[in-house]
């Protein structure tokens, strides 16, 4: 269970009301801006790099443990690199640049999370031990985390002149491997002002 999970509404004034409603069931929620909630989604940062490094396994339908066997040093470096691009975007938006490792400690610190880097954290967290890798590349780690996570983040970054070479390469690679333009599937950003209120 994630602790201290940030919630930020599209309309800033709705925040306190929504928190009151949802805290009945999820008391661990905390108030946040839409930028914080949108750009702190660890799934977008973690799933696509690990799946990319294990693409051949998944495409062949092999059974493997996503975090225990799938997180390699290369996957860890990719996650870190994409996280660095995300942090630059947060700075451009005048938002707190909170690294993915800090989010992981915040979410899972009381559940035995340990490690100095993201790879050590993911391979050591007991609650992730049995998570199996996808048996296809046509999986939510692509259709959600790339198309609805990384692609809109890339578009927002480009609007603020933040370079995203790794993020952009990942979107290109998945588009080529899956045979569909994931940027076209992504929701369009109309007005970024709502994100930073």
Protein backbone atom coordinates (compact mmCIF):
# COMPACT_ATOMS: atom_id res chain seq x y z
CA UNK A 1 0.00 0.00 0.00
CA UNK A 2 1.35 3.39 -0.95
CA UNK A 3 1.54 5.83 1.95
CA UNK A 4 1.14 9.61 1.79
CA UNK A 5 -0.20 9.44 -1.77
CA UNK A 6 -0.64 12.88 -3.45
CA UNK A 7 -4.02 13.90 -4.87
CA UNK A 8 -4.46 17.01 -6.99
CA UNK A 9 -7.69 17.98 -8.79
CA UNK A 10 -7.99 19.68 -12.16
CA UNK A 11 -9.75 22.61 -10.47
CA UNK A 12 -7.61 23.71 -7.50
CA UNK A 13 -10.57 24.85 -5.39
CA UNK A 14 -12.03 21.32 -5.48
CA UNK A 15 -9.01 19.86 -3.66
CA UNK A 16 -10.18 20.04 -0.03
CA UNK A 17 -13.63 18.64 -0.87
CA UNK A 18 -12.20 15.71 -2.83
CA UNK A 19 -9.68 14.91 -0.11
CA UNK A 20 -12.43 14.84 2.52
CA UNK A 21 -14.44 12.42 0.42
CA UNK A 22 -11.61 10.04 -0.49
CA UNK A 23 -9.91 10.06 2.91
CA UNK A 24 -12.87 8.08 4.24
CA UNK A 25 -11.43 5.08 2.40
CA UNK A 26 -7.81 6.16 1.89
CA UNK A 27 -6.65 8.11 4.97
CA UNK A 28 -3.06 8.26 3.65
CA UNK A 29 -3.85 10.80 0.90
CA UNK A 30 -2.15 14.20 0.90
CA UNK A 31 -3.04 17.43 -0.88
CA UNK A 32 -0.96 18.27 -3.95
CA UNK A 33 -0.97 20.23 -7.17
CA UNK A 34 -1.99 18.53 -10.40
CA UNK A 35 1.66 18.78 -11.54
CA UNK A 36 2.80 16.90 -8.46
CA UNK A 37 0.27 14.10 -8.91
CA UNK A 38 0.76 13.85 -12.66
CA UNK A 39 4.53 14.03 -12.66
CA UNK A 40 5.04 11.83 -9.61
CA UNK A 41 3.47 8.73 -11.15
CA UNK A 42 6.26 6.22 -10.57
CA UNK A 43 4.66 3.67 -12.93
CA UNK A 44 5.45 5.87 -15.95
CA UNK A 45 9.10 6.04 -14.93
CA UNK A 46 9.60 2.43 -13.88
CA UNK A 47 7.56 0.05 -16.05
CA UNK A 48 8.60 1.10 -19.59
CA UNK A 49 12.40 0.91 -19.04
CA UNK A 50 12.20 -2.49 -17.33
CA UNK A 51 9.93 -3.87 -20.04
CA UNK A 52 12.21 -2.53 -22.77
CA UNK A 53 15.23 -4.31 -21.30
CA UNK A 54 13.12 -7.50 -21.14
CA UNK A 55 11.26 -7.05 -24.44
CA UNK A 56 12.46 -10.33 -25.96
CA UNK A 57 11.28 -12.28 -22.91
CA UNK A 58 7.85 -10.68 -23.00
CA UNK A 59 7.43 -10.95 -26.74
CA UNK A 60 8.18 -14.68 -26.55
CA UNK A 61 5.65 -15.06 -23.74
CA UNK A 62 8.28 -16.20 -21.25
CA UNK A 63 7.50 -16.28 -17.56
CA UNK A 64 9.77 -14.08 -15.46
CA UNK A 65 9.53 -12.02 -12.30
CA UNK A 66 9.31 -8.41 -13.43
CA UNK A 67 11.16 -6.82 -10.51
CA UNK A 68 13.25 -9.71 -9.21
CA UNK A 69 14.60 -10.87 -12.58
CA UNK A 70 13.73 -7.99 -14.89
CA UNK A 71 15.45 -5.12 -13.10
CA UNK A 72 18.99 -5.07 -14.42
CA UNK A 73 21.68 -2.42 -14.02
CA UNK A 74 20.77 -1.16 -17.51
CA UNK A 75 17.08 -0.85 -16.57
CA UNK A 76 18.03 0.97 -13.38
CA UNK A 77 20.19 3.44 -15.34
CA UNK A 78 17.34 4.06 -17.82
CA UNK A 79 14.89 4.75 -14.99
CA UNK A 80 17.38 7.14 -13.41
CA UNK A 81 17.98 8.94 -16.72
CA UNK A 82 14.27 9.41 -17.43
CA UNK A 83 13.78 10.57 -13.87
CA UNK A 84 16.46 13.24 -14.40
CA UNK A 85 14.51 14.56 -17.40
CA UNK A 86 11.31 14.60 -15.31
CA UNK A 87 13.11 16.55 -12.56
CA UNK A 88 14.20 19.18 -15.09
CA UNK A 89 10.58 19.53 -16.18
CA UNK A 90 9.46 19.98 -12.57
CA UNK A 91 12.06 22.72 -12.12
CA UNK A 92 10.79 24.45 -15.29
CA UNK A 93 7.27 24.33 -13.79
CA UNK A 94 8.51 25.75 -10.45
CA UNK A 95 7.50 22.53 -8.72
CA UNK A 96 9.52 20.62 -6.11
CA UNK A 97 11.94 18.30 -7.98
CA UNK A 98 11.36 15.11 -5.97
CA UNK A 99 13.39 12.12 -7.29
CA UNK A 100 11.72 8.76 -7.85
CA UNK A 101 13.80 7.26 -5.03
CA UNK A 102 12.31 9.78 -2.58
CA UNK A 103 8.79 8.93 -3.78
CA UNK A 104 9.53 5.23 -3.27
CA UNK A 105 10.76 5.85 0.28
CA UNK A 106 7.71 7.99 0.96
CA UNK A 107 5.32 5.34 -0.37
CA UNK A 108 6.97 2.16 0.92
CA UNK A 109 9.48 3.19 3.60
CA UNK A 110 7.45 1.60 6.38
CA UNK A 111 7.12 -1.64 4.40
CA UNK A 112 10.76 -2.66 4.34
CA UNK A 113 11.97 -0.63 1.34
CA UNK A 114 15.74 -0.50 1.29
CA UNK A 115 18.47 0.43 -1.17
CA UNK A 116 20.52 3.36 -2.37
CA UNK A 117 19.28 3.40 -5.97
CA UNK A 118 16.03 2.58 -7.74
CA UNK A 119 17.23 -0.84 -8.88
CA UNK A 120 18.08 -1.95 -5.35
CA UNK A 121 14.76 -0.61 -4.08
CA UNK A 122 12.69 -2.44 -6.69
CA UNK A 123 14.49 -5.78 -6.41
CA UNK A 124 14.39 -5.73 -2.63
CA UNK A 125 10.79 -4.69 -1.91
CA UNK A 126 8.97 -7.79 -0.66
CA UNK A 127 5.54 -6.67 -1.90
CA UNK A 128 6.85 -6.67 -5.50
CA UNK A 129 8.58 -10.05 -5.29
CA UNK A 130 5.88 -12.10 -7.04
CA UNK A 131 5.00 -9.59 -9.80
CA UNK A 132 5.25 -11.38 -13.13
CA UNK A 133 6.45 -9.74 -16.30
CA UNK A 134 3.99 -9.20 -19.16
CA UNK A 135 3.78 -12.00 -21.70
CA UNK A 136 3.32 -9.49 -24.53
CA UNK A 137 4.48 -6.01 -25.47
CA UNK A 138 0.83 -5.03 -25.98
CA UNK A 139 0.39 -4.39 -22.29
CA UNK A 140 -0.69 -1.54 -20.03
CA UNK A 141 2.98 -0.81 -19.33
CA UNK A 142 2.96 0.52 -22.90
CA UNK A 143 -0.66 1.52 -23.62
CA UNK A 144 -0.96 3.40 -20.31
CA UNK A 145 2.52 4.22 -19.04
CA UNK A 146 3.95 5.28 -22.39
CA UNK A 147 0.91 6.64 -24.26
CA UNK A 148 -0.78 8.26 -21.25
CA UNK A 149 2.31 8.89 -19.14
CA UNK A 150 5.55 9.51 -21.00
CA UNK A 151 4.10 10.96 -24.22
CA UNK A 152 2.12 13.77 -22.52
CA UNK A 153 5.10 14.41 -20.22
CA UNK A 154 7.32 14.73 -23.29
CA UNK A 155 4.88 17.19 -24.89
CA UNK A 156 4.75 19.30 -21.73
CA UNK A 157 8.54 19.25 -21.44
CA UNK A 158 8.92 20.47 -25.02
CA UNK A 159 6.50 23.34 -24.35
CA UNK A 160 8.89 24.46 -21.60
CA UNK A 161 12.04 23.82 -23.67
CA UNK A 162 13.14 20.89 -21.51
CA UNK A 163 15.12 18.26 -23.42
CA UNK A 164 13.90 14.67 -23.17
CA UNK A 165 16.28 12.52 -25.25
CA UNK A 166 15.77 9.31 -23.25
CA UNK A 167 12.03 9.73 -22.81
CA UNK A 168 11.59 10.53 -26.50
CA UNK A 169 13.74 7.58 -27.54
CA UNK A 170 11.68 5.25 -25.37
CA UNK A 171 8.44 6.48 -26.97
CA UNK A 172 9.97 6.04 -30.45
CA UNK A 173 11.19 2.53 -29.66
CA UNK A 174 7.86 1.35 -28.26
CA UNK A 175 5.99 2.89 -31.18
CA UNK A 176 8.22 0.97 -33.59
CA UNK A 177 8.14 -2.30 -31.64
CA UNK A 178 4.37 -2.26 -31.10
CA UNK A 179 3.52 -0.97 -34.57
CA UNK A 180 1.48 2.04 -33.43
CA UNK A 181 2.20 5.72 -32.97
CA UNK A 182 1.96 6.13 -29.21
CA UNK A 183 2.13 9.91 -29.45
CA UNK A 184 -1.02 9.92 -31.59
CA UNK A 185 -2.74 7.74 -28.97
CA UNK A 186 -1.75 10.14 -26.18
CA UNK A 187 -4.15 12.74 -24.79
CA UNK A 188 -3.36 16.24 -26.01
CA UNK A 189 -2.39 19.02 -23.63
CA UNK A 190 -4.58 22.03 -24.15
CA UNK A 191 -3.80 24.38 -21.29
CA UNK A 192 -0.83 23.71 -19.06
CA UNK A 193 -1.83 26.46 -16.57
CA UNK A 194 -4.19 24.09 -14.74
CA UNK A 195 -1.32 21.72 -14.06
CA UNK A 196 0.73 24.12 -11.96
CA UNK A 197 -1.99 25.85 -9.91
